[in-house]
N, C-alpha and C. Protein backbone atom coordinates (compact mmCIF):
# COMPACT_ATOMS: atom_id res chain seq x y z
N MET A 1 0.90 -1.23 0.00
CA MET A 1 -0.01 -0.01 0.04
C MET A 1 0.88 1.29 0.00
N LYS A 2 2.04 1.14 0.62
CA LYS A 2 2.91 2.35 0.69
C LYS A 2 3.39 2.75 -0.71
N ILE A 3 3.61 1.66 -1.53
CA ILE A 3 4.17 2.03 -2.93
C ILE A 3 3.06 2.65 -3.66
N LEU A 4 1.85 2.19 -3.55
CA LEU A 4 0.74 2.75 -4.31
C LEU A 4 0.48 4.19 -3.88
N SER A 5 0.56 4.47 -2.57
CA SER A 5 0.43 5.77 -2.02
C SER A 5 1.54 6.71 -2.51
N ALA A 6 2.72 6.25 -2.60
CA ALA A 6 3.84 7.10 -3.10
C ALA A 6 3.64 7.39 -4.58
N ILE A 7 3.21 6.45 -5.37
CA ILE A 7 2.93 6.64 -6.79
C ILE A 7 1.84 7.63 -6.93
N LEU A 8 0.80 7.57 -6.16
CA LEU A 8 -0.33 8.54 -6.18
C LEU A 8 0.19 9.93 -5.85
N ILE A 9 1.07 10.13 -4.82
CA ILE A 9 1.53 11.46 -4.46
C ILE A 9 2.42 11.95 -5.53
N TYR A 10 3.33 11.21 -6.11
CA TYR A 10 4.26 11.71 -7.03
C TYR A 10 3.49 12.01 -8.38
N ALA A 11 2.50 11.25 -8.72
CA ALA A 11 1.68 11.52 -9.95
C ALA A 11 0.96 12.84 -9.75
N LEU A 12 0.27 12.95 -8.65
CA LEU A 12 -0.43 14.21 -8.36
C LEU A 12 0.46 15.45 -8.37
N ALA A 13 1.69 15.29 -7.81
CA ALA A 13 2.62 16.40 -7.75
C ALA A 13 2.96 16.78 -9.07
N VAL A 14 3.43 15.84 -9.95
CA VAL A 14 3.79 16.16 -11.36
C VAL A 14 2.67 16.78 -12.06
N LEU A 15 1.48 16.19 -11.92
CA LEU A 15 0.22 16.75 -12.68
C LEU A 15 0.00 18.21 -12.26
N SER A 16 0.03 18.46 -10.97
CA SER A 16 -0.23 19.72 -10.45
C SER A 16 0.87 20.80 -10.94
N ILE A 17 2.10 20.34 -10.81
CA ILE A 17 3.23 21.30 -11.17
C ILE A 17 3.09 21.53 -12.72
N LEU A 18 2.83 20.59 -13.50
CA LEU A 18 2.65 20.76 -14.99
C LEU A 18 1.49 21.74 -15.34
N ALA A 19 0.39 21.42 -14.67
CA ALA A 19 -0.85 22.32 -14.79
C ALA A 19 -0.55 23.76 -14.43
N GLY A 20 0.13 23.93 -13.25
CA GLY A 20 0.49 25.21 -12.77
C GLY A 20 1.51 25.96 -13.67
N GLY A 21 2.42 25.14 -14.14
CA GLY A 21 3.48 25.66 -15.10
C GLY A 21 2.84 26.22 -16.32
N ALA A 22 1.81 25.56 -16.83
CA ALA A 22 1.14 26.01 -18.02
C ALA A 22 0.50 27.36 -17.78
N LYS A 23 -0.05 27.59 -16.61
CA LYS A 23 -0.65 28.81 -16.25
C LYS A 23 0.46 29.90 -16.09
N ILE A 24 1.46 29.65 -15.31
CA ILE A 24 2.56 30.58 -15.10
C ILE A 24 3.16 31.00 -16.37
N SER A 25 3.38 30.12 -17.28
CA SER A 25 3.94 30.53 -18.63
C SER A 25 2.98 31.12 -19.54
N LEU A 26 1.73 31.28 -19.10
CA LEU A 26 0.63 31.86 -19.91
C LEU A 26 0.45 31.24 -21.25
N MET A 27 0.32 29.90 -21.21
CA MET A 27 0.02 29.16 -22.43
C MET A 27 -1.28 29.77 -23.05
N PRO A 28 -1.29 29.95 -24.34
CA PRO A 28 -2.45 30.60 -24.96
C PRO A 28 -3.83 29.91 -24.59
N GLN A 29 -3.88 28.55 -24.64
CA GLN A 29 -5.10 27.84 -24.36
C GLN A 29 -5.57 28.12 -22.89
N GLU A 30 -4.63 28.09 -21.97
CA GLU A 30 -4.96 28.36 -20.51
C GLU A 30 -5.41 29.74 -20.37
N LEU A 31 -4.65 30.70 -20.90
CA LEU A 31 -5.01 32.10 -20.83
C LEU A 31 -6.41 32.42 -21.44
N GLU A 32 -6.63 31.99 -22.60
CA GLU A 32 -7.93 32.18 -23.26
C GLU A 32 -9.07 31.62 -22.42
N PHE A 33 -8.85 30.36 -22.02
CA PHE A 33 -9.90 29.71 -21.22
C PHE A 33 -10.19 30.48 -19.93
N LEU A 34 -9.22 30.85 -19.19
CA LEU A 34 -9.44 31.54 -17.88
C LEU A 34 -9.83 32.98 -18.12
N GLN A 35 -9.36 33.64 -19.11
CA GLN A 35 -9.82 34.99 -19.38
C GLN A 35 -11.25 35.04 -19.71
N GLY A 36 -11.79 33.98 -20.21
CA GLY A 36 -13.25 33.85 -20.50
C GLY A 36 -14.07 33.88 -19.29
N PHE A 37 -13.50 33.74 -18.10
CA PHE A 37 -14.13 33.83 -16.86
C PHE A 37 -13.72 35.11 -16.04
N GLY A 38 -13.07 35.96 -16.73
CA GLY A 38 -12.72 37.23 -16.14
C GLY A 38 -11.39 37.22 -15.39
N LEU A 39 -10.56 36.29 -15.52
CA LEU A 39 -9.28 36.27 -14.85
C LEU A 39 -8.31 37.01 -15.83
N ASN A 40 -7.56 37.96 -15.23
CA ASN A 40 -6.51 38.61 -16.16
C ASN A 40 -5.28 37.79 -15.99
N ALA A 41 -4.18 38.21 -16.74
CA ALA A 41 -2.98 37.39 -16.78
C ALA A 41 -2.33 37.29 -15.40
N GLY A 42 -2.42 38.31 -14.57
CA GLY A 42 -1.84 38.23 -13.25
C GLY A 42 -2.47 37.19 -12.35
N LEU A 43 -3.83 37.13 -12.50
CA LEU A 43 -4.59 36.13 -11.69
C LEU A 43 -4.37 34.73 -12.22
N VAL A 44 -4.11 34.62 -13.51
CA VAL A 44 -3.81 33.29 -14.03
C VAL A 44 -2.48 32.80 -13.55
N VAL A 45 -1.50 33.70 -13.49
CA VAL A 45 -0.14 33.35 -12.97
C VAL A 45 -0.25 32.98 -11.44
N ALA A 46 -1.03 33.79 -10.75
CA ALA A 46 -1.29 33.49 -9.31
C ALA A 46 -1.88 32.05 -9.10
N PHE A 47 -2.85 31.69 -9.95
CA PHE A 47 -3.51 30.46 -9.94
C PHE A 47 -2.45 29.32 -10.09
N GLY A 48 -1.60 29.61 -11.16
CA GLY A 48 -0.49 28.68 -11.44
C GLY A 48 0.40 28.49 -10.38
N ILE A 49 0.77 29.56 -9.61
CA ILE A 49 1.71 29.45 -8.57
C ILE A 49 1.11 28.63 -7.41
N VAL A 50 -0.18 28.75 -7.21
CA VAL A 50 -0.85 27.93 -6.17
C VAL A 50 -0.73 26.51 -6.57
N GLN A 51 -0.94 26.20 -7.79
CA GLN A 51 -0.92 24.79 -8.25
C GLN A 51 0.55 24.19 -8.14
N VAL A 52 1.52 25.02 -8.57
CA VAL A 52 2.94 24.60 -8.42
C VAL A 52 3.31 24.40 -6.92
N ALA A 53 2.96 25.43 -6.14
CA ALA A 53 3.29 25.24 -4.72
C ALA A 53 2.62 24.00 -4.09
N GLY A 54 1.34 23.79 -4.42
CA GLY A 54 0.65 22.61 -3.85
C GLY A 54 1.25 21.30 -4.29
N GLY A 55 1.65 21.17 -5.63
CA GLY A 55 2.39 20.03 -6.03
C GLY A 55 3.71 19.79 -5.40
N ALA A 56 4.43 20.87 -5.27
CA ALA A 56 5.74 20.80 -4.53
C ALA A 56 5.53 20.39 -3.12
N MET A 57 4.56 20.95 -2.44
CA MET A 57 4.28 20.58 -1.03
C MET A 57 3.92 19.16 -0.85
N LEU A 58 3.34 18.53 -1.91
CA LEU A 58 2.96 17.09 -1.75
C LEU A 58 4.16 16.18 -1.58
N LEU A 59 5.33 16.64 -2.01
CA LEU A 59 6.57 15.84 -1.93
C LEU A 59 7.18 15.87 -0.56
N PHE A 60 6.69 16.75 0.41
CA PHE A 60 7.31 16.84 1.77
C PHE A 60 6.29 16.40 2.77
N SER A 61 6.53 15.36 3.57
CA SER A 61 5.58 14.83 4.44
C SER A 61 5.04 15.93 5.48
N ARG A 62 5.85 16.80 5.85
CA ARG A 62 5.50 17.78 6.89
C ARG A 62 4.36 18.70 6.39
N VAL A 63 4.30 18.97 5.12
CA VAL A 63 3.37 19.96 4.53
C VAL A 63 2.47 19.32 3.50
N ARG A 64 2.50 17.92 3.45
CA ARG A 64 1.73 17.25 2.41
C ARG A 64 0.22 17.53 2.51
N THR A 65 -0.30 17.52 3.65
CA THR A 65 -1.76 17.70 3.83
C THR A 65 -2.18 19.16 3.20
N VAL A 66 -1.36 20.12 3.57
CA VAL A 66 -1.59 21.47 3.05
C VAL A 66 -1.46 21.56 1.52
N GLY A 67 -0.45 20.87 1.03
CA GLY A 67 -0.29 20.70 -0.43
C GLY A 67 -1.43 20.01 -1.13
N ALA A 68 -1.89 18.92 -0.51
CA ALA A 68 -3.12 18.25 -1.11
C ALA A 68 -4.34 19.06 -1.03
N ILE A 69 -4.46 19.93 -0.03
CA ILE A 69 -5.62 20.77 -0.01
C ILE A 69 -5.51 21.86 -1.09
N LEU A 70 -4.33 22.38 -1.33
CA LEU A 70 -4.15 23.31 -2.45
C LEU A 70 -4.43 22.66 -3.75
N VAL A 71 -3.90 21.49 -3.99
CA VAL A 71 -4.07 20.78 -5.24
C VAL A 71 -5.52 20.43 -5.42
N ALA A 72 -6.19 19.94 -4.39
CA ALA A 72 -7.64 19.53 -4.54
C ALA A 72 -8.41 20.79 -4.93
N SER A 73 -8.20 21.81 -4.18
CA SER A 73 -8.89 23.19 -4.38
C SER A 73 -8.71 23.65 -5.84
N ALA A 74 -7.46 23.69 -6.32
CA ALA A 74 -7.11 24.18 -7.62
C ALA A 74 -7.80 23.28 -8.72
N PHE A 75 -7.78 21.98 -8.62
CA PHE A 75 -8.33 21.16 -9.56
C PHE A 75 -9.86 21.25 -9.51
N LEU A 76 -10.44 21.42 -8.33
CA LEU A 76 -11.90 21.53 -8.15
C LEU A 76 -12.31 22.83 -8.86
N VAL A 77 -11.54 23.92 -8.68
CA VAL A 77 -11.94 25.23 -9.41
C VAL A 77 -11.87 24.97 -10.91
N SER A 78 -10.81 24.35 -11.34
CA SER A 78 -10.71 24.08 -12.77
C SER A 78 -11.90 23.28 -13.33
N ALA A 79 -12.29 22.22 -12.51
CA ALA A 79 -13.31 21.33 -12.97
C ALA A 79 -14.68 22.16 -13.04
N ILE A 80 -14.84 23.00 -12.04
CA ILE A 80 -16.11 23.84 -12.03
C ILE A 80 -16.14 24.76 -13.25
N LEU A 81 -15.02 25.34 -13.59
CA LEU A 81 -14.95 26.17 -14.77
C LEU A 81 -15.21 25.40 -15.98
N VAL A 82 -14.69 24.18 -16.16
CA VAL A 82 -14.98 23.41 -17.27
C VAL A 82 -16.44 23.02 -17.39
N PHE A 83 -17.01 22.65 -16.28
CA PHE A 83 -18.48 22.36 -16.20
C PHE A 83 -19.29 23.56 -16.69
N LEU A 84 -18.85 24.79 -16.34
CA LEU A 84 -19.57 26.01 -16.72
C LEU A 84 -19.50 26.19 -18.25
N THR A 85 -18.55 25.61 -18.89
CA THR A 85 -18.51 25.74 -20.43
C THR A 85 -19.47 24.77 -21.05
N GLY A 86 -19.96 23.77 -20.29
CA GLY A 86 -20.92 22.81 -20.81
C GLY A 86 -20.21 21.51 -21.15
N ASN A 87 -18.93 21.41 -20.98
CA ASN A 87 -18.16 20.18 -21.35
C ASN A 87 -18.19 19.19 -20.11
N TRP A 88 -19.27 18.42 -20.02
CA TRP A 88 -19.42 17.55 -18.89
C TRP A 88 -18.40 16.47 -18.84
N VAL A 89 -18.02 15.91 -19.93
CA VAL A 89 -17.12 14.76 -19.95
C VAL A 89 -15.73 15.29 -19.36
N PHE A 90 -15.20 16.36 -19.97
CA PHE A 90 -13.94 16.83 -19.50
C PHE A 90 -13.98 17.31 -18.00
N GLY A 91 -15.14 17.92 -17.65
CA GLY A 91 -15.38 18.31 -16.29
C GLY A 91 -15.27 17.15 -15.35
N LEU A 92 -15.90 16.04 -15.69
CA LEU A 92 -15.80 14.83 -14.83
C LEU A 92 -14.41 14.28 -14.78
N ILE A 93 -13.68 14.26 -15.87
CA ILE A 93 -12.31 13.83 -15.88
C ILE A 93 -11.45 14.78 -15.05
N SER A 94 -11.74 16.06 -15.12
CA SER A 94 -11.04 17.07 -14.23
C SER A 94 -11.21 16.98 -12.74
N LEU A 95 -12.34 16.27 -12.40
CA LEU A 95 -12.56 15.97 -10.97
C LEU A 95 -11.67 14.85 -10.37
N VAL A 96 -11.14 13.93 -11.29
CA VAL A 96 -10.29 12.83 -10.86
C VAL A 96 -9.08 13.38 -10.03
N PRO A 97 -8.31 14.27 -10.46
CA PRO A 97 -7.20 14.65 -9.57
C PRO A 97 -7.64 15.34 -8.30
N ALA A 98 -8.74 16.01 -8.29
CA ALA A 98 -9.26 16.60 -6.98
C ALA A 98 -9.63 15.46 -6.08
N ALA A 99 -10.30 14.48 -6.52
CA ALA A 99 -10.64 13.34 -5.73
C ALA A 99 -9.43 12.53 -5.18
N LEU A 100 -8.48 12.33 -6.04
CA LEU A 100 -7.23 11.68 -5.63
C LEU A 100 -6.51 12.51 -4.52
N ALA A 101 -6.46 13.78 -4.73
CA ALA A 101 -5.92 14.65 -3.70
C ALA A 101 -6.71 14.50 -2.37
N GLY A 102 -7.99 14.25 -2.48
CA GLY A 102 -8.82 14.01 -1.31
C GLY A 102 -8.38 12.71 -0.56
N VAL A 103 -7.93 11.69 -1.42
CA VAL A 103 -7.40 10.47 -0.83
C VAL A 103 -6.14 10.82 0.03
N VAL A 104 -5.29 11.57 -0.58
CA VAL A 104 -4.05 11.94 0.13
C VAL A 104 -4.39 12.65 1.40
N ILE A 105 -5.33 13.55 1.41
CA ILE A 105 -5.73 14.32 2.55
C ILE A 105 -6.28 13.29 3.62
N ARG A 106 -7.05 12.31 3.24
CA ARG A 106 -7.70 11.38 4.17
C ARG A 106 -6.63 10.45 4.74
N GLN A 107 -5.51 10.18 4.06
CA GLN A 107 -4.48 9.29 4.48
C GLN A 107 -3.54 10.02 5.49
N ALA A 108 -3.62 11.32 5.56
CA ALA A 108 -2.71 12.08 6.52
C ALA A 108 -2.90 11.58 7.87
N PRO A 109 -1.73 11.54 8.59
CA PRO A 109 -1.77 11.13 10.02
C PRO A 109 -2.56 12.07 10.81
N LYS A 110 -3.28 11.55 11.69
CA LYS A 110 -4.13 12.41 12.61
C LYS A 110 -3.39 12.77 13.76
N THR A 111 -3.26 14.10 14.08
CA THR A 111 -2.40 14.56 15.26
C THR A 111 -3.38 15.26 16.24
């Protein structure tokens, strides 16, 4: 189970860092999509920074839960925005990383 958990954490970290990197670098598709909801370039970059930070935090056990919360929140916001475009299939697919981040949160040691 530890191996599966590690794979999940690393996969989520990479996914979140890549998704955030696309926003930070203002990839045209990301920028156009998010500007359609009123976000300017600065807010898109800020959103990307949150995703990258959350993904990086997943890699460190002391801050993993906070990182997972950031990752889940960012992917949940993205999924909601996709649903608002009417693309239900991609919206559902976009919920998968948020749900997996929820698994990481749930696995966190209780203190």
